[in-house]
Amino acid sequence: MAEILATRTSDEWLARLDAEGVPCAPVLSRRGVIEHPQVAANGLIVEDEHPHAGPMRQPRPAARFSETPAAIRRPAPLLGEHTDEVLAELGLDADAVAGLRSRNVVG
């Protein structure tokens, strides 16, 4: 199979398979995905400024709903950035969190 596939380019194979009604798509590199015309046309990759990492590209939320639009509201957190908030939501007070920190349970 590899020998036969090596006789044509990917574009040639895709055209031939498509002509025969065979579902197919190219396997793209990361750069190929980011730069693909269909990805750009659909606005699938958004770029934003991360406060620590600088400019970052990432996929937008997959679903688009007119009544409840999805958005990337904040950057990815740093390791442990929201630990205190999460533990407080779980009902732990400041002393309990301090105890976990002193025992290296959380960082």
N, C-alpha and C. Protein backbone atom coordinates (compact mmCIF):
# COMPACT_ATOMS: atom_id res chain seq x y z
N MET A 1 0.82 -1.19 0.00
CA MET A 1 0.00 0.00 0.00
C MET A 1 0.87 1.26 0.00
N ALA A 2 1.93 1.26 0.83
CA ALA A 2 2.81 2.43 0.90
C ALA A 2 3.47 2.69 -0.45
N GLU A 3 3.85 1.62 -1.15
CA GLU A 3 4.48 1.80 -2.47
C GLU A 3 3.51 2.45 -3.45
N ILE A 4 2.28 2.02 -3.42
CA ILE A 4 1.28 2.58 -4.33
C ILE A 4 0.99 4.03 -3.97
N LEU A 5 0.82 4.32 -2.69
CA LEU A 5 0.53 5.70 -2.28
C LEU A 5 1.68 6.64 -2.63
N ALA A 6 2.90 6.15 -2.64
CA ALA A 6 4.06 6.99 -2.95
C ALA A 6 4.12 7.38 -4.43
N THR A 7 3.25 6.79 -5.27
CA THR A 7 3.30 7.09 -6.70
C THR A 7 2.58 8.39 -7.07
N ARG A 8 1.84 8.97 -6.15
CA ARG A 8 1.10 10.21 -6.41
C ARG A 8 1.23 11.15 -5.21
N THR A 9 0.92 12.41 -5.43
CA THR A 9 0.95 13.37 -4.32
C THR A 9 -0.33 13.23 -3.50
N SER A 10 -0.31 13.80 -2.33
CA SER A 10 -1.51 13.79 -1.48
C SER A 10 -2.68 14.44 -2.20
N ASP A 11 -2.42 15.57 -2.86
CA ASP A 11 -3.50 16.26 -3.57
C ASP A 11 -4.09 15.39 -4.67
N GLU A 12 -3.23 14.65 -5.38
CA GLU A 12 -3.72 13.77 -6.43
C GLU A 12 -4.59 12.66 -5.85
N TRP A 13 -4.15 12.05 -4.74
CA TRP A 13 -4.94 10.99 -4.12
C TRP A 13 -6.27 11.53 -3.58
N LEU A 14 -6.23 12.69 -2.97
CA LEU A 14 -7.46 13.28 -2.44
C LEU A 14 -8.45 13.55 -3.56
N ALA A 15 -7.98 14.08 -4.68
CA ALA A 15 -8.87 14.35 -5.82
C ALA A 15 -9.46 13.05 -6.37
N ARG A 16 -8.63 12.03 -6.49
CA ARG A 16 -9.12 10.76 -7.03
C ARG A 16 -10.13 10.10 -6.08
N LEU A 17 -9.82 10.09 -4.80
CA LEU A 17 -10.74 9.50 -3.82
C LEU A 17 -12.06 10.28 -3.78
N ASP A 18 -11.96 11.60 -3.82
CA ASP A 18 -13.16 12.44 -3.81
C ASP A 18 -14.02 12.17 -5.04
N ALA A 19 -13.38 12.01 -6.20
CA ALA A 19 -14.10 11.73 -7.44
C ALA A 19 -14.87 10.41 -7.36
N GLU A 20 -14.35 9.48 -6.58
CA GLU A 20 -15.01 8.17 -6.43
C GLU A 20 -15.98 8.15 -5.25
N GLY A 21 -16.16 9.29 -4.59
CA GLY A 21 -17.11 9.36 -3.49
C GLY A 21 -16.59 8.76 -2.19
N VAL A 22 -15.29 8.64 -2.07
CA VAL A 22 -14.69 8.08 -0.86
C VAL A 22 -14.44 9.23 0.12
N PRO A 23 -15.02 9.18 1.31
CA PRO A 23 -14.75 10.23 2.30
C PRO A 23 -13.25 10.26 2.61
N CYS A 24 -12.66 11.44 2.53
CA CYS A 24 -11.23 11.54 2.76
C CYS A 24 -10.88 12.97 3.16
N ALA A 25 -9.75 13.10 3.79
CA ALA A 25 -9.23 14.41 4.17
C ALA A 25 -7.73 14.27 4.39
N PRO A 26 -7.01 15.35 4.20
CA PRO A 26 -5.57 15.27 4.43
C PRO A 26 -5.25 15.24 5.92
N VAL A 27 -4.12 14.67 6.24
CA VAL A 27 -3.59 14.74 7.60
C VAL A 27 -2.61 15.91 7.59
N LEU A 28 -2.92 16.94 8.36
CA LEU A 28 -2.14 18.17 8.32
C LEU A 28 -1.21 18.30 9.51
N SER A 29 -0.13 19.01 9.30
CA SER A 29 0.75 19.37 10.41
C SER A 29 0.05 20.45 11.24
N ARG A 30 0.59 20.77 12.39
CA ARG A 30 0.02 21.83 13.22
C ARG A 30 -0.05 23.13 12.42
N ARG A 31 1.05 23.49 11.77
CA ARG A 31 1.07 24.72 10.97
C ARG A 31 0.07 24.62 9.82
N GLY A 32 -0.03 23.44 9.21
CA GLY A 32 -0.98 23.25 8.13
C GLY A 32 -2.42 23.46 8.58
N VAL A 33 -2.74 23.04 9.80
CA VAL A 33 -4.08 23.25 10.34
C VAL A 33 -4.32 24.74 10.57
N ILE A 34 -3.37 25.39 11.23
CA ILE A 34 -3.53 26.80 11.56
C ILE A 34 -3.67 27.66 10.30
N GLU A 35 -2.95 27.30 9.25
CA GLU A 35 -2.94 28.09 8.03
C GLU A 35 -3.95 27.62 6.98
N HIS A 36 -4.71 26.58 7.28
CA HIS A 36 -5.66 26.04 6.29
C HIS A 36 -6.75 27.08 6.00
N PRO A 37 -7.07 27.28 4.71
CA PRO A 37 -8.08 28.29 4.35
C PRO A 37 -9.44 28.07 5.02
N GLN A 38 -9.86 26.81 5.18
CA GLN A 38 -11.16 26.55 5.79
C GLN A 38 -11.15 26.91 7.28
N VAL A 39 -10.05 26.64 7.95
CA VAL A 39 -9.90 27.00 9.37
C VAL A 39 -9.98 28.52 9.51
N ALA A 40 -9.30 29.23 8.62
CA ALA A 40 -9.34 30.69 8.65
C ALA A 40 -10.74 31.21 8.34
N ALA A 41 -11.39 30.64 7.33
CA ALA A 41 -12.73 31.09 6.94
C ALA A 41 -13.75 30.91 8.06
N ASN A 42 -13.59 29.85 8.84
CA ASN A 42 -14.52 29.58 9.95
C ASN A 42 -14.11 30.25 11.25
N GLY A 43 -12.98 30.94 11.25
CA GLY A 43 -12.53 31.62 12.47
C GLY A 43 -12.28 30.66 13.61
N LEU A 44 -11.71 29.48 13.30
CA LEU A 44 -11.54 28.45 14.32
C LEU A 44 -10.37 28.70 15.26
N ILE A 45 -9.41 29.50 14.84
CA ILE A 45 -8.25 29.80 15.67
C ILE A 45 -8.31 31.28 16.05
N VAL A 46 -8.22 31.55 17.34
CA VAL A 46 -8.21 32.93 17.81
C VAL A 46 -6.87 33.21 18.49
N GLU A 47 -6.45 34.43 18.42
CA GLU A 47 -5.21 34.83 19.08
C GLU A 47 -5.53 35.85 20.14
N ASP A 48 -4.92 35.68 21.29
CA ASP A 48 -5.13 36.59 22.40
C ASP A 48 -3.81 36.78 23.12
N GLU A 49 -3.75 37.75 23.98
CA GLU A 49 -2.54 38.05 24.73
C GLU A 49 -2.65 37.44 26.11
N HIS A 50 -1.79 36.48 26.43
CA HIS A 50 -1.74 35.89 27.76
C HIS A 50 -0.87 36.79 28.63
N PRO A 51 -1.30 37.09 29.87
CA PRO A 51 -0.55 38.04 30.69
C PRO A 51 0.88 37.60 31.02
N HIS A 52 1.17 36.31 30.96
CA HIS A 52 2.52 35.83 31.28
C HIS A 52 3.24 35.25 30.07
N ALA A 53 2.50 34.64 29.16
CA ALA A 53 3.12 33.93 28.03
C ALA A 53 3.16 34.75 26.74
N GLY A 54 2.48 35.88 26.71
CA GLY A 54 2.46 36.69 25.50
C GLY A 54 1.37 36.23 24.54
N PRO A 55 1.54 36.50 23.23
CA PRO A 55 0.50 36.12 22.27
C PRO A 55 0.35 34.61 22.18
N MET A 56 -0.91 34.17 22.20
CA MET A 56 -1.19 32.73 22.12
C MET A 56 -2.33 32.49 21.15
N ARG A 57 -2.16 31.47 20.32
CA ARG A 57 -3.25 31.02 19.44
C ARG A 57 -3.88 29.81 20.07
N GLN A 58 -5.21 29.75 19.97
CA GLN A 58 -5.93 28.59 20.50
C GLN A 58 -7.25 28.44 19.75
N PRO A 59 -7.80 27.23 19.77
CA PRO A 59 -9.09 27.05 19.10
C PRO A 59 -10.19 27.77 19.87
N ARG A 60 -11.10 28.35 19.14
CA ARG A 60 -12.27 28.98 19.78
C ARG A 60 -13.20 27.87 20.26
N PRO A 61 -14.15 28.19 21.13
CA PRO A 61 -15.13 27.16 21.51
C PRO A 61 -15.81 26.60 20.27
N ALA A 62 -15.96 25.29 20.23
CA ALA A 62 -16.44 24.61 19.03
C ALA A 62 -17.88 24.96 18.67
N ALA A 63 -18.75 25.03 19.66
CA ALA A 63 -20.16 25.28 19.38
C ALA A 63 -20.42 26.79 19.35
N ARG A 64 -21.30 27.19 18.46
CA ARG A 64 -21.73 28.59 18.37
C ARG A 64 -23.24 28.63 18.47
N PHE A 65 -23.73 29.28 19.51
CA PHE A 65 -25.17 29.39 19.75
C PHE A 65 -25.56 30.86 19.77
N SER A 66 -26.64 31.22 19.08
CA SER A 66 -27.04 32.63 19.02
C SER A 66 -27.54 33.13 20.37
N GLU A 67 -28.20 32.29 21.13
CA GLU A 67 -28.76 32.72 22.42
C GLU A 67 -27.75 32.67 23.57
N THR A 68 -26.78 31.80 23.47
CA THR A 68 -25.78 31.67 24.53
C THR A 68 -24.39 31.59 23.90
N PRO A 69 -23.89 32.71 23.40
CA PRO A 69 -22.59 32.67 22.72
C PRO A 69 -21.46 32.29 23.67
N ALA A 70 -20.58 31.46 23.17
CA ALA A 70 -19.42 31.04 23.95
C ALA A 70 -18.25 31.97 23.63
N ALA A 71 -17.38 32.14 24.61
CA ALA A 71 -16.21 33.00 24.41
C ALA A 71 -15.09 32.53 25.33
N ILE A 72 -13.88 32.86 24.94
CA ILE A 72 -12.74 32.63 25.82
C ILE A 72 -12.65 33.88 26.68
N ARG A 73 -13.02 33.76 27.95
CA ARG A 73 -13.13 34.93 28.81
C ARG A 73 -11.85 35.29 29.54
N ARG A 74 -10.99 34.32 29.73
CA ARG A 74 -9.74 34.61 30.42
C ARG A 74 -8.69 33.58 29.99
N PRO A 75 -7.44 33.89 30.21
CA PRO A 75 -6.38 32.97 29.77
C PRO A 75 -6.30 31.73 30.65
N ALA A 76 -5.60 30.74 30.16
CA ALA A 76 -5.35 29.54 30.96
C ALA A 76 -4.63 29.92 32.24
N PRO A 77 -5.00 29.33 33.36
CA PRO A 77 -4.37 29.71 34.63
C PRO A 77 -2.97 29.13 34.75
N LEU A 78 -2.17 29.79 35.56
CA LEU A 78 -0.87 29.25 35.92
C LEU A 78 -1.08 28.12 36.91
N LEU A 79 -0.09 27.27 37.09
CA LEU A 79 -0.19 26.17 38.02
C LEU A 79 -0.48 26.70 39.42
N GLY A 80 -1.58 26.27 40.00
CA GLY A 80 -1.96 26.67 41.36
C GLY A 80 -2.60 28.03 41.47
N GLU A 81 -2.83 28.71 40.37
CA GLU A 81 -3.34 30.07 40.41
C GLU A 81 -4.68 30.19 41.11
N HIS A 82 -5.55 29.20 40.98
CA HIS A 82 -6.89 29.28 41.56
C HIS A 82 -7.10 28.31 42.73
N THR A 83 -6.01 27.79 43.27
CA THR A 83 -6.11 26.80 44.35
C THR A 83 -6.95 27.31 45.50
N ASP A 84 -6.66 28.50 45.99
CA ASP A 84 -7.39 29.03 47.15
C ASP A 84 -8.88 29.18 46.84
N GLU A 85 -9.20 29.68 45.64
CA GLU A 85 -10.60 29.86 45.26
C GLU A 85 -11.33 28.52 45.20
N VAL A 86 -10.70 27.52 44.62
CA VAL A 86 -11.33 26.20 44.50
C VAL A 86 -11.54 25.58 45.88
N LEU A 87 -10.54 25.66 46.71
CA LEU A 87 -10.67 25.09 48.06
C LEU A 87 -11.73 25.83 48.87
N ALA A 88 -11.83 27.14 48.70
CA ALA A 88 -12.88 27.91 49.39
C ALA A 88 -14.26 27.47 48.92
N GLU A 89 -14.40 27.22 47.61
CA GLU A 89 -15.68 26.74 47.08
C GLU A 89 -16.05 25.38 47.67
N LEU A 90 -15.03 24.60 48.04
CA LEU A 90 -15.26 23.29 48.65
C LEU A 90 -15.54 23.40 50.14
N GLY A 91 -15.49 24.63 50.67
CA GLY A 91 -15.83 24.85 52.07
C GLY A 91 -14.66 24.92 53.02
N LEU A 92 -13.44 24.93 52.53
CA LEU A 92 -12.28 25.02 53.41
C LEU A 92 -12.00 26.48 53.75
N ASP A 93 -11.74 26.74 55.03
CA ASP A 93 -11.41 28.11 55.44
C ASP A 93 -9.90 28.32 55.32
N ALA A 94 -9.44 29.53 55.61
CA ALA A 94 -8.03 29.89 55.44
C ALA A 94 -7.12 29.01 56.29
N ASP A 95 -7.55 28.65 57.51
CA ASP A 95 -6.71 27.80 58.37
C ASP A 95 -6.55 26.40 57.78
N ALA A 96 -7.63 25.86 57.22
CA ALA A 96 -7.56 24.53 56.61
C ALA A 96 -6.63 24.54 55.40
N VAL A 97 -6.72 25.59 54.60
CA VAL A 97 -5.85 25.72 53.42
C VAL A 97 -4.40 25.85 53.87
N ALA A 98 -4.16 26.66 54.91
CA ALA A 98 -2.80 26.81 55.43
C ALA A 98 -2.24 25.47 55.90
N GLY A 99 -3.10 24.66 56.53
CA GLY A 99 -2.68 23.33 56.98
C GLY A 99 -2.30 22.44 55.81
N LEU A 100 -3.08 22.49 54.74
CA LEU A 100 -2.75 21.71 53.54
C LEU A 100 -1.42 22.17 52.94
N ARG A 101 -1.21 23.48 52.92
CA ARG A 101 0.04 24.01 52.38
C ARG A 101 1.24 23.58 53.24
N SER A 102 1.07 23.63 54.57
CA SER A 102 2.19 23.28 55.45
C SER A 102 2.58 21.81 55.33
N ARG A 103 1.62 20.98 54.92
CA ARG A 103 1.91 19.55 54.72
C ARG A 103 2.22 19.23 53.27
N ASN A 104 2.37 20.27 52.44
CA ASN A 104 2.68 20.12 51.01
C ASN A 104 1.63 19.31 50.24
N VAL A 105 0.39 19.36 50.71
CA VAL A 105 -0.71 18.70 49.99
C VAL A 105 -1.06 19.53 48.76
N VAL A 106 -1.04 20.85 48.92
CA VAL A 106 -1.24 21.76 47.78
C VAL A 106 -0.07 22.73 47.76
N GLY A 107 0.19 23.28 46.56
CA GLY A 107 1.33 24.19 46.40
C GLY A 107 0.92 25.62 46.41
